[in-house]
N, C-alpha and C. Protein backbone atom coordinates (compact mmCIF):
# COMPACT_ATOMS: atom_id res chain seq x y z
N SER A 1 -14.42 11.94 -10.45
CA SER A 1 -13.07 12.57 -10.90
C SER A 1 -11.85 11.55 -10.68
N LYS A 2 -10.97 11.96 -11.28
CA LYS A 2 -9.58 10.96 -11.39
C LYS A 2 -9.01 10.79 -9.77
N GLY A 3 -9.19 11.66 -9.06
CA GLY A 3 -8.65 11.84 -7.63
C GLY A 3 -9.41 10.84 -6.82
N VAL A 4 -10.74 10.89 -7.01
CA VAL A 4 -11.60 9.90 -6.53
C VAL A 4 -11.38 8.42 -6.80
N ALA A 5 -10.98 8.08 -8.09
CA ALA A 5 -10.93 6.89 -8.58
C ALA A 5 -9.70 6.41 -8.08
N ARG A 6 -8.47 7.23 -8.01
CA ARG A 6 -7.41 6.72 -7.70
C ARG A 6 -7.16 6.41 -6.04
N ALA A 7 -8.10 7.09 -5.38
CA ALA A 7 -8.39 6.84 -3.97
C ALA A 7 -9.18 5.56 -3.90
N GLU A 8 -10.02 5.39 -4.48
CA GLU A 8 -10.59 4.11 -4.39
C GLU A 8 -9.91 2.88 -4.52
N ASP A 9 -9.06 3.13 -5.68
CA ASP A 9 -8.00 2.05 -6.02
C ASP A 9 -7.23 1.74 -4.83
N LEU A 10 -6.55 2.87 -4.47
CA LEU A 10 -5.71 2.48 -3.32
C LEU A 10 -6.57 2.10 -1.93
N LEU A 11 -7.87 2.30 -1.73
CA LEU A 11 -8.28 1.80 -0.68
C LEU A 11 -8.57 0.40 -0.62
N GLN A 12 -8.92 -0.08 -1.96
CA GLN A 12 -8.94 -1.51 -2.42
C GLN A 12 -8.00 -2.18 -2.00
N HIS A 13 -6.78 -1.60 -2.39
CA HIS A 13 -5.61 -2.19 -2.14
C HIS A 13 -5.16 -2.56 -0.76
N LEU A 14 -5.65 -1.60 -0.03
CA LEU A 14 -5.26 -1.67 1.55
C LEU A 14 -6.34 -2.67 2.07
N GLU A 15 -7.42 -2.76 1.68
CA GLU A 15 -8.53 -3.56 2.00
C GLU A 15 -8.06 -5.18 2.01
N ILE A 16 -7.33 -5.53 1.03
CA ILE A 16 -6.76 -6.47 0.56
C ILE A 16 -5.57 -7.12 1.61
N ILE A 17 -4.83 -6.08 1.84
CA ILE A 17 -3.91 -6.24 3.06
C ILE A 17 -4.46 -6.31 4.30
N ARG A 18 -5.46 -5.84 4.69
CA ARG A 18 -6.29 -5.77 5.88
C ARG A 18 -6.93 -7.25 5.97
N HIS A 19 -7.43 -7.83 4.88
CA HIS A 19 -8.14 -9.21 5.27
C HIS A 19 -6.83 -10.23 5.14
N GLY A 20 -5.65 -10.05 4.38
CA GLY A 20 -4.53 -10.72 4.53
C GLY A 20 -3.99 -10.78 5.75
N LEU A 21 -3.89 -9.70 6.50
CA LEU A 21 -3.39 -9.53 8.18
C LEU A 21 -4.40 -10.46 8.94
N LEU A 22 -5.41 -10.44 8.77
CA LEU A 22 -6.46 -10.87 9.47
C LEU A 22 -6.45 -12.23 9.33
N ALA A 23 -6.27 -12.80 8.22
CA ALA A 23 -6.17 -14.22 7.80
C ALA A 23 -4.76 -14.89 8.25
N GLY A 24 -3.99 -13.86 8.46
CA GLY A 24 -2.43 -14.34 8.73
C GLY A 24 -1.54 -14.66 7.46
N GLN A 25 -2.17 -14.28 6.50
CA GLN A 25 -1.27 -14.59 4.94
C GLN A 25 -1.74 -13.20 3.91
N ILE A 26 -0.76 -12.69 3.61
CA ILE A 26 -0.77 -11.47 2.58
C ILE A 26 0.14 -11.99 1.42
N PRO A 27 -0.67 -12.19 0.28
CA PRO A 27 0.15 -12.36 -0.90
C PRO A 27 1.44 -11.28 -1.17
N ARG A 28 2.38 -11.76 -1.63
CA ARG A 28 3.51 -10.98 -1.80
C ARG A 28 3.28 -10.23 -3.08
N HIS A 29 2.67 -10.79 -3.96
CA HIS A 29 2.10 -9.76 -5.34
C HIS A 29 1.30 -8.64 -5.01
N LYS A 30 0.48 -8.83 -4.06
CA LYS A 30 -0.43 -7.84 -3.55
C LYS A 30 0.06 -6.58 -2.73
N LEU A 31 1.23 -7.21 -1.91
CA LEU A 31 2.16 -6.09 -1.22
C LEU A 31 2.78 -5.05 -2.35
N LYS A 32 3.49 -5.85 -3.41
CA LYS A 32 4.25 -5.27 -4.38
C LYS A 32 3.31 -4.06 -5.04
N ASP A 33 2.09 -4.81 -5.37
CA ASP A 33 1.21 -3.70 -6.04
C ASP A 33 0.77 -2.58 -5.29
N VAL A 34 0.50 -2.85 -3.95
CA VAL A 34 0.42 -1.48 -3.40
C VAL A 34 1.67 -0.52 -3.44
N VAL A 35 2.84 -0.95 -3.22
CA VAL A 35 4.11 -0.16 -3.28
C VAL A 35 3.86 0.68 -4.54
N LYS A 36 3.82 -0.09 -5.59
CA LYS A 36 3.39 0.64 -6.73
C LYS A 36 2.49 1.63 -6.90
N VAL A 37 1.23 1.43 -6.45
CA VAL A 37 0.21 2.31 -6.32
C VAL A 37 0.53 3.50 -5.47
N ILE A 38 1.31 3.24 -4.17
CA ILE A 38 1.51 4.23 -3.47
C ILE A 38 2.67 5.17 -4.03
N SER A 39 3.70 4.50 -4.84
CA SER A 39 4.80 5.48 -5.12
C SER A 39 4.16 6.35 -6.40
N ARG A 40 3.18 5.80 -7.29
CA ARG A 40 2.59 6.46 -8.21
C ARG A 40 1.68 7.76 -7.62
N GLU A 41 1.07 7.75 -6.35
CA GLU A 41 0.37 8.36 -5.86
C GLU A 41 1.28 9.56 -5.06
N GLN A 42 2.29 9.06 -4.59
CA GLN A 42 3.07 10.16 -4.09
C GLN A 42 3.84 11.18 -4.97
N GLU A 43 4.22 10.56 -6.12
CA GLU A 43 4.55 11.29 -7.31
C GLU A 43 3.54 12.45 -7.50
N MET A 44 2.23 12.05 -7.56
CA MET A 44 1.31 12.88 -7.89
C MET A 44 0.52 14.10 -6.72
N SER A 45 0.96 13.76 -5.67
CA SER A 45 0.27 14.54 -4.50
C SER A 45 1.14 15.70 -4.27
N GLN A 46 0.46 16.78 -3.93
CA GLN A 46 0.99 17.85 -3.64
C GLN A 46 0.47 18.27 -1.88
N ASP A 47 -0.39 17.74 -1.46
CA ASP A 47 -0.56 17.78 0.06
C ASP A 47 0.34 17.02 0.92
N PRO A 48 1.05 17.79 1.72
CA PRO A 48 1.92 17.36 2.71
C PRO A 48 1.38 16.38 3.52
N GLY A 49 0.22 16.38 4.01
CA GLY A 49 -0.55 15.61 5.03
C GLY A 49 -0.66 14.10 4.36
N LEU A 50 -1.03 14.32 3.05
CA LEU A 50 -1.48 12.74 2.30
C LEU A 50 -0.08 12.32 2.02
N ARG A 51 0.97 12.96 1.61
CA ARG A 51 2.32 12.22 1.41
C ARG A 51 2.81 11.54 2.80
N GLN A 52 2.72 12.29 3.86
CA GLN A 52 3.16 11.73 5.18
C GLN A 52 2.36 10.41 5.36
N LEU A 53 0.95 10.36 5.19
CA LEU A 53 0.11 9.07 5.24
C LEU A 53 0.72 8.09 4.28
N LEU A 54 0.91 8.67 2.74
CA LEU A 54 1.35 7.43 1.98
C LEU A 54 2.77 6.86 2.38
N ASP A 55 3.51 7.80 2.92
CA ASP A 55 4.90 7.34 3.21
C ASP A 55 4.92 6.41 4.54
N ASP A 56 3.96 6.60 5.46
CA ASP A 56 3.85 5.66 6.69
C ASP A 56 3.30 4.23 6.14
N ILE A 57 2.20 4.44 5.10
CA ILE A 57 1.57 3.19 4.57
C ILE A 57 2.60 2.28 3.72
N GLU A 58 3.79 3.10 2.94
CA GLU A 58 4.82 2.47 2.22
C GLU A 58 5.58 1.79 3.28
N LEU A 59 5.96 2.36 4.27
CA LEU A 59 6.86 1.71 5.18
C LEU A 59 6.34 0.46 5.69
N ARG A 60 5.32 0.88 6.44
CA ARG A 60 4.46 -0.66 6.62
C ARG A 60 4.41 -2.00 5.73
N VAL A 61 3.75 -1.39 4.39
CA VAL A 61 4.11 -2.66 3.37
C VAL A 61 5.44 -3.02 3.02
N LYS A 62 6.52 -2.28 3.08
CA LYS A 62 7.92 -2.70 3.07
C LYS A 62 8.36 -3.48 4.24
N VAL A 63 8.23 -3.21 5.50
CA VAL A 63 8.18 -3.98 6.52
C VAL A 63 7.52 -5.60 6.50
N GLU A 64 6.39 -5.39 5.69
CA GLU A 64 5.80 -6.62 5.42
C GLU A 64 6.19 -7.55 4.52
N LEU A 65 6.74 -6.88 3.24
CA LEU A 65 7.48 -7.55 2.47
C LEU A 65 8.89 -8.17 2.81
N ALA A 66 9.37 -7.59 3.69
CA ALA A 66 10.85 -7.76 4.35
C ALA A 66 10.48 -9.31 5.40
N LYS A 67 9.52 -9.06 5.85
CA LYS A 67 9.05 -10.33 6.78
C LYS A 67 8.76 -11.53 6.08
N LEU A 68 8.32 -11.39 4.91
CA LEU A 68 7.90 -12.46 3.77
C LEU A 68 9.30 -12.99 3.23
N GLU A 69 10.30 -12.09 3.14
CA GLU A 69 11.35 -12.50 2.34
C GLU A 69 12.43 -13.27 3.33
N MET A 70 12.19 -12.81 4.49
CA MET A 70 12.81 -13.53 5.71
C MET A 70 12.34 -15.10 5.70
N ILE A 71 11.14 -15.09 5.52
CA ILE A 71 10.34 -16.40 5.69
C ILE A 71 10.96 -17.41 4.76
N GLY A 72 10.84 -16.85 3.41
CA GLY A 72 11.59 -17.51 2.24
C GLY A 72 10.28 -17.46 1.28
């Protein structure tokens, strides 16, 4: 189903971030991709629990982006 495909896409993006955190470097474009995917999912989701989870992930990704911006 489309929902499963979207979930797998989001999980794939999060896995890239996890590997980046473990390696100490996350590509900025990958973080921006995750923000786009999460924004799209937030618009489509009617589940309050899922929306809260997506909000939490989005906040964490934006924090990482801000850190990268500070570094230059």
